[in-house]
Amino acid sequence: MELRSNNFSSIKYHDIFDFKLTKEELVRWQYKQSLPSAEGKNLKETTRGIKNKSRLQREIYSQEKLKIAKKTAKLISILPTVKFIGITGALAMNNAGKNSDIDLMIVTSHNKLWTTRLLVYGLLWVTDYKLRKPKNDIEKDRLCLNLWLDEQDLVWSKSDRNIYTAHEIAQIVPLINKDKTYEKFLWENRWILNFWPNSVEILNPNIEKLNKSQLLIFNSLNLIAYKLQYLYMKPKITREVVTLTRAIFHPNDWGKVVIAKLSS
């Protein structure tokens, strides 16, 4: 099969993660344009469609971690303020290593993020779930709740929209989805199709905007919970995003690393 430059771009991107695309996956993950480093490439691909041994092994590891993720999501979803739980990172691509952690994204009801976060961690603590701790090298099968969003703050800022972020959003695997929160999240971030047009189907969920008026006591409790947790985290914050409506704990700028590799 002769590869066009945009197909070569897709392959180069996924090869960074040692993820050899099959022919079917190449259709889904076809990059919309061509990377500068791929221009003029006219390659013959003869092994595409065959999963290598390492990838097959990671699929086995991923299935075991998926069981933990599903069990966790079912437990957390008993909280009414949890609107969405999804798998992110390598596990979302069924490509987790033996010692990988389990990355989860959680969307909460409006003005309930920080109170919900306290409840979630309390629930996981009393049920003895293993959580990944900052700067701890022990990651295997531990839960990493590194992405929290308020349902009224789902849109990625323009400055953070790139090939890497678009892929990370498109690959999210929903486990719990209340009130079409996942569909709303994709719709708000439909810009990802400018990078990966076949990656995921995005339809307008036609959901009316929420009434933001709430009892003052709930808003106040969330604000207090935010300030307390922020003060605890402040000495450790590097490039993490911590606001009243989102908490994104990604200390390493992997997008920058990936883009640099793609440019080489």
Protein backbone atom coordinates (compact mmCIF):
# COMPACT_ATOMS: atom_id res chain seq x y z
CA MET A 1 0.00 0.00 0.00
CA GLU A 2 1.39 3.38 -0.96
CA LEU A 3 1.14 5.97 1.78
CA ARG A 4 0.17 9.55 1.16
CA SER A 5 1.92 12.18 3.23
CA ASN A 6 -1.04 12.67 5.60
CA ASN A 7 -1.15 8.90 6.21
CA PHE A 8 2.55 8.98 6.88
CA SER A 9 1.90 11.81 9.36
CA SER A 10 -0.65 9.67 11.20
CA ILE A 11 1.75 6.76 11.40
CA LYS A 12 4.60 8.96 12.60
CA TYR A 13 2.40 10.42 15.34
CA HIS A 14 1.31 7.03 16.69
CA ASP A 15 4.76 5.52 16.39
CA ILE A 16 5.88 7.99 19.05
CA PHE A 17 3.69 5.98 21.43
CA ASP A 18 4.81 2.64 19.93
CA PHE A 19 1.29 2.21 18.61
CA LYS A 20 1.44 0.57 15.19
CA LEU A 21 -1.76 1.48 13.39
CA THR A 22 -3.70 -1.22 11.61
CA LYS A 23 -5.33 -0.41 8.27
CA GLU A 24 -8.68 0.14 9.99
CA GLU A 25 -7.14 2.38 12.63
CA LEU A 26 -5.34 4.36 9.96
CA VAL A 27 -8.75 5.35 8.61
CA ARG A 28 -9.98 6.55 11.99
CA TRP A 29 -6.74 8.27 12.91
CA GLN A 30 -5.96 9.87 9.57
CA TYR A 31 -4.43 13.26 10.13
CA LYS A 32 -6.26 16.00 8.24
CA GLN A 33 -3.14 17.60 6.83
CA SER A 34 0.50 16.66 6.37
CA LEU A 35 3.19 17.37 8.88
CA PRO A 36 6.07 19.40 7.46
CA SER A 37 8.40 16.47 8.10
CA ALA A 38 6.14 14.21 6.02
CA GLU A 39 5.98 16.36 2.91
CA GLY A 40 7.35 14.60 -0.14
CA LYS A 41 7.24 11.20 1.53
CA ASN A 42 6.16 8.42 -0.78
CA LEU A 43 6.58 5.21 1.14
CA LYS A 44 5.53 1.63 0.67
CA GLU A 45 3.93 0.15 3.79
CA THR A 46 3.85 -3.65 3.76
CA THR A 47 3.39 -4.55 7.42
CA ARG A 48 0.52 -2.24 8.26
CA GLY A 49 -2.38 -4.18 9.74
CA ILE A 50 -0.27 -6.52 11.82
CA LYS A 51 -0.09 -5.77 15.55
CA ASN A 52 3.40 -6.29 16.91
CA LYS A 53 4.08 -8.43 19.98
CA SER A 54 4.53 -5.49 22.35
CA ARG A 55 1.22 -3.97 21.36
CA LEU A 56 -0.63 -7.27 21.81
CA GLN A 57 0.89 -7.58 25.28
CA ARG A 58 -0.21 -4.05 26.20
CA GLU A 59 -3.75 -4.93 25.14
CA ILE A 60 -3.73 -7.74 27.70
CA TYR A 61 -2.49 -5.38 30.42
CA SER A 62 -5.10 -2.84 29.37
CA GLN A 63 -7.99 -5.27 29.75
CA GLU A 64 -7.05 -5.90 33.38
CA LYS A 65 -6.78 -2.18 34.09
CA LEU A 66 -10.09 -1.58 32.33
CA LYS A 67 -11.81 -3.82 34.88
CA ILE A 68 -10.48 -1.62 37.69
CA ALA A 69 -11.55 1.53 35.85
CA LYS A 70 -15.09 0.25 35.32
CA LYS A 71 -15.42 -0.83 38.93
CA THR A 72 -14.16 2.56 40.09
CA ALA A 73 -16.51 4.46 37.80
CA LYS A 74 -19.50 2.47 39.01
CA LEU A 75 -18.65 3.33 42.60
CA ILE A 76 -18.01 7.03 42.00
CA SER A 77 -21.14 7.41 39.88
CA ILE A 78 -23.36 6.93 42.94
CA LEU A 79 -22.59 10.58 43.70
CA PRO A 80 -25.30 12.64 41.99
CA THR A 81 -22.89 15.48 41.24
CA VAL A 82 -20.69 13.21 39.09
CA LYS A 83 -21.93 13.75 35.53
CA PHE A 84 -19.26 11.95 33.50
CA ILE A 85 -16.34 9.59 33.98
CA GLY A 86 -14.03 8.67 31.14
CA ILE A 87 -10.74 6.89 30.56
CA THR A 88 -7.89 8.99 29.20
CA GLY A 89 -4.23 8.43 28.34
CA ALA A 90 -2.69 5.17 27.14
CA LEU A 91 -5.48 3.03 28.58
CA ALA A 92 -8.01 4.85 26.39
CA MET A 93 -6.06 3.54 23.39
CA ASN A 94 -5.87 0.04 24.88
CA ASN A 95 -2.13 0.62 24.98
CA ALA A 96 -1.23 0.68 28.69
CA GLY A 97 2.00 -0.87 29.91
CA LYS A 98 2.28 -3.37 32.75
CA ASN A 99 3.25 -0.71 35.29
CA SER A 100 0.97 2.05 33.98
CA ASP A 101 -1.57 3.84 36.13
CA ILE A 102 -5.24 4.37 35.28
CA ASP A 103 -6.06 7.91 34.14
CA LEU A 104 -9.64 9.09 34.65
CA MET A 105 -11.45 12.27 33.68
CA ILE A 106 -14.41 13.45 35.77
CA VAL A 107 -17.01 16.09 34.92
CA THR A 108 -19.14 17.43 37.78
CA SER A 109 -22.32 19.41 38.16
CA HIS A 110 -21.96 23.17 37.94
CA ASN A 111 -20.36 24.74 41.04
CA LYS A 112 -19.86 21.30 42.57
CA LEU A 113 -16.38 20.39 41.36
CA TRP A 114 -14.41 20.86 44.55
CA THR A 115 -17.02 19.47 46.92
CA THR A 116 -17.41 16.50 44.59
CA ARG A 117 -13.65 15.99 44.48
CA LEU A 118 -13.54 15.77 48.26
CA LEU A 119 -16.37 13.25 48.27
CA VAL A 120 -14.79 11.16 45.52
CA TYR A 121 -11.44 10.92 47.29
CA GLY A 122 -13.17 10.15 50.58
CA LEU A 123 -15.20 7.41 48.95
CA LEU A 124 -12.15 5.86 47.33
CA TRP A 125 -10.20 6.08 50.56
CA VAL A 126 -12.79 4.27 52.70
CA THR A 127 -13.17 1.58 50.02
CA ASP A 128 -9.39 1.08 49.91
CA TYR A 129 -8.78 1.96 46.26
CA LYS A 130 -5.15 2.60 45.39
CA LEU A 131 -4.47 6.16 44.29
CA ARG A 132 -1.37 7.45 42.60
CA LYS A 133 0.50 9.96 44.71
CA PRO A 134 2.46 12.93 43.31
CA LYS A 135 6.17 12.24 42.75
CA ASN A 136 5.67 8.58 43.64
CA ASP A 137 7.22 6.15 41.18
CA ILE A 138 4.75 3.41 42.06
CA GLU A 139 2.10 3.70 39.35
CA LYS A 140 0.93 0.17 38.55
CA ASP A 141 -2.89 -0.09 38.54
CA ARG A 142 -3.24 3.02 40.69
CA LEU A 143 -5.96 5.53 39.96
CA CYS A 144 -4.87 8.91 38.65
CA LEU A 145 -7.75 11.38 38.73
CA ASN A 146 -5.89 14.06 36.85
CA LEU A 147 -8.64 15.82 34.90
CA TRP A 148 -11.65 17.50 36.54
CA LEU A 149 -14.09 19.77 34.74
CA ASP A 150 -17.19 21.70 35.74
CA GLU A 151 -19.97 20.98 33.25
CA GLN A 152 -20.09 24.69 32.46
CA ASP A 153 -16.39 24.87 31.59
CA LEU A 154 -15.73 22.17 28.99
CA VAL A 155 -14.10 24.11 26.15
CA TRP A 156 -10.34 23.89 25.60
CA SER A 157 -8.68 27.28 25.21
CA LYS A 158 -7.36 28.16 21.76
CA SER A 159 -3.79 28.35 23.03
CA ASP A 160 -3.92 24.66 23.99
CA ARG A 161 -5.45 23.37 20.77
CA ASN A 162 -2.92 21.23 18.96
CA ILE A 163 -2.48 17.80 17.40
CA TYR A 164 -1.71 16.19 20.77
CA THR A 165 -4.56 17.70 22.77
CA ALA A 166 -7.02 16.94 19.96
CA HIS A 167 -5.99 13.28 19.97
CA GLU A 168 -6.19 13.02 23.75
CA ILE A 169 -9.76 14.34 23.68
CA ALA A 170 -10.84 12.20 20.73
CA GLN A 171 -9.57 9.00 22.33
CA ILE A 172 -11.45 9.40 25.62
CA VAL A 173 -13.53 6.32 26.46
CA PRO A 174 -16.75 7.14 28.34
CA LEU A 175 -17.67 4.89 31.27
CA ILE A 176 -20.38 6.96 32.96
CA ASN A 177 -22.38 9.50 30.98
CA LYS A 178 -25.29 11.32 32.60
CA ASP A 179 -27.47 13.87 30.82
CA LYS A 180 -25.46 13.62 27.57
CA THR A 181 -22.45 15.23 29.22
CA TYR A 182 -20.03 13.36 26.94
CA GLU A 183 -21.89 14.53 23.83
CA LYS A 184 -21.86 18.08 25.14
CA PHE A 185 -18.13 17.84 25.86
CA LEU A 186 -17.39 16.69 22.31
CA TRP A 187 -19.63 19.33 20.80
CA GLU A 188 -17.91 22.07 22.77
CA ASN A 189 -14.57 20.77 21.52
CA ARG A 190 -15.49 19.91 17.95
CA TRP A 191 -12.36 21.79 16.86
CA ILE A 192 -10.57 18.44 17.33
CA LEU A 193 -11.93 17.42 13.92
CA ASN A 194 -9.62 20.02 12.38
CA PHE A 195 -6.81 17.63 13.31
CA TRP A 196 -8.41 14.17 13.33
CA PRO A 197 -11.59 14.41 11.19
CA ASN A 198 -12.50 10.69 11.36
CA SER A 199 -11.61 10.09 14.99
CA VAL A 200 -15.03 10.43 16.61
CA GLU A 201 -18.57 11.30 15.56
CA ILE A 202 -19.71 14.61 16.97
CA LEU A 203 -23.36 15.62 16.90
CA ASN A 204 -25.12 18.59 18.42
CA PRO A 205 -26.74 17.27 21.62
CA ASN A 206 -29.27 20.13 21.55
CA ILE A 207 -29.13 20.57 25.30
CA GLU A 208 -30.47 23.76 26.79
CA LYS A 209 -28.02 25.79 28.81
CA LEU A 210 -28.21 25.17 32.52
CA ASN A 211 -29.74 27.62 34.88
CA LYS A 212 -26.70 28.81 36.84
CA SER A 213 -28.74 30.12 39.75
CA GLN A 214 -28.24 27.84 42.75
CA LEU A 215 -28.63 27.97 46.50
CA LEU A 216 -25.94 30.23 47.92
CA ILE A 217 -24.95 27.63 50.49
CA PHE A 218 -23.87 25.13 47.80
CA ASN A 219 -21.86 27.76 45.95
CA SER A 220 -20.22 28.81 49.21
CA LEU A 221 -19.35 25.23 50.15
CA ASN A 222 -17.73 24.68 46.77
CA LEU A 223 -15.75 27.90 47.11
CA ILE A 224 -14.51 26.92 50.56
CA ALA A 225 -13.59 23.43 49.34
CA TYR A 226 -11.70 25.00 46.43
CA LYS A 227 -9.72 27.38 48.60
CA LEU A 228 -8.76 24.66 51.09
CA GLN A 229 -7.63 22.24 48.39
CA TYR A 230 -5.82 24.98 46.48
CA LEU A 231 -3.87 26.02 49.57
CA TYR A 232 -2.86 22.39 50.08
CA MET A 233 -1.74 22.00 46.46
CA LYS A 234 -0.21 25.46 45.92
CA PRO A 235 3.37 24.59 47.00
CA LYS A 236 3.38 21.64 44.56
CA ILE A 237 1.85 23.39 41.54
CA THR A 238 4.11 23.80 38.50
CA ARG A 239 2.11 24.00 35.25
CA GLU A 240 -1.07 22.40 36.56
CA VAL A 241 -4.35 24.25 35.99
CA VAL A 242 -6.32 24.82 39.17
CA THR A 243 -9.38 27.10 39.03
CA LEU A 244 -12.86 27.09 40.47
CA THR A 245 -14.20 25.22 37.43
CA ARG A 246 -11.33 22.96 36.38
CA ALA A 247 -8.40 21.01 37.76
CA ILE A 248 -5.91 19.60 35.27
CA PHE A 249 -2.94 17.85 36.80
CA HIS A 250 -0.47 17.38 33.96
CA PRO A 251 2.90 18.56 35.31
CA ASN A 252 4.68 17.57 32.08
CA ASP A 253 3.92 19.33 28.81
CA TRP A 254 3.64 16.20 26.67
CA GLY A 255 2.09 18.19 23.87
CA LYS A 256 5.30 20.18 23.52
CA VAL A 257 7.38 17.00 23.57
CA VAL A 258 5.24 15.28 20.93
CA ILE A 259 5.18 18.31 18.62
CA ALA A 260 8.97 18.56 18.85
CA LYS A 261 9.33 14.90 17.85
CA LEU A 262 6.94 15.35 14.96
CA SER A 263 8.99 18.27 13.69
CA SER A 264 12.20 16.31 13.58
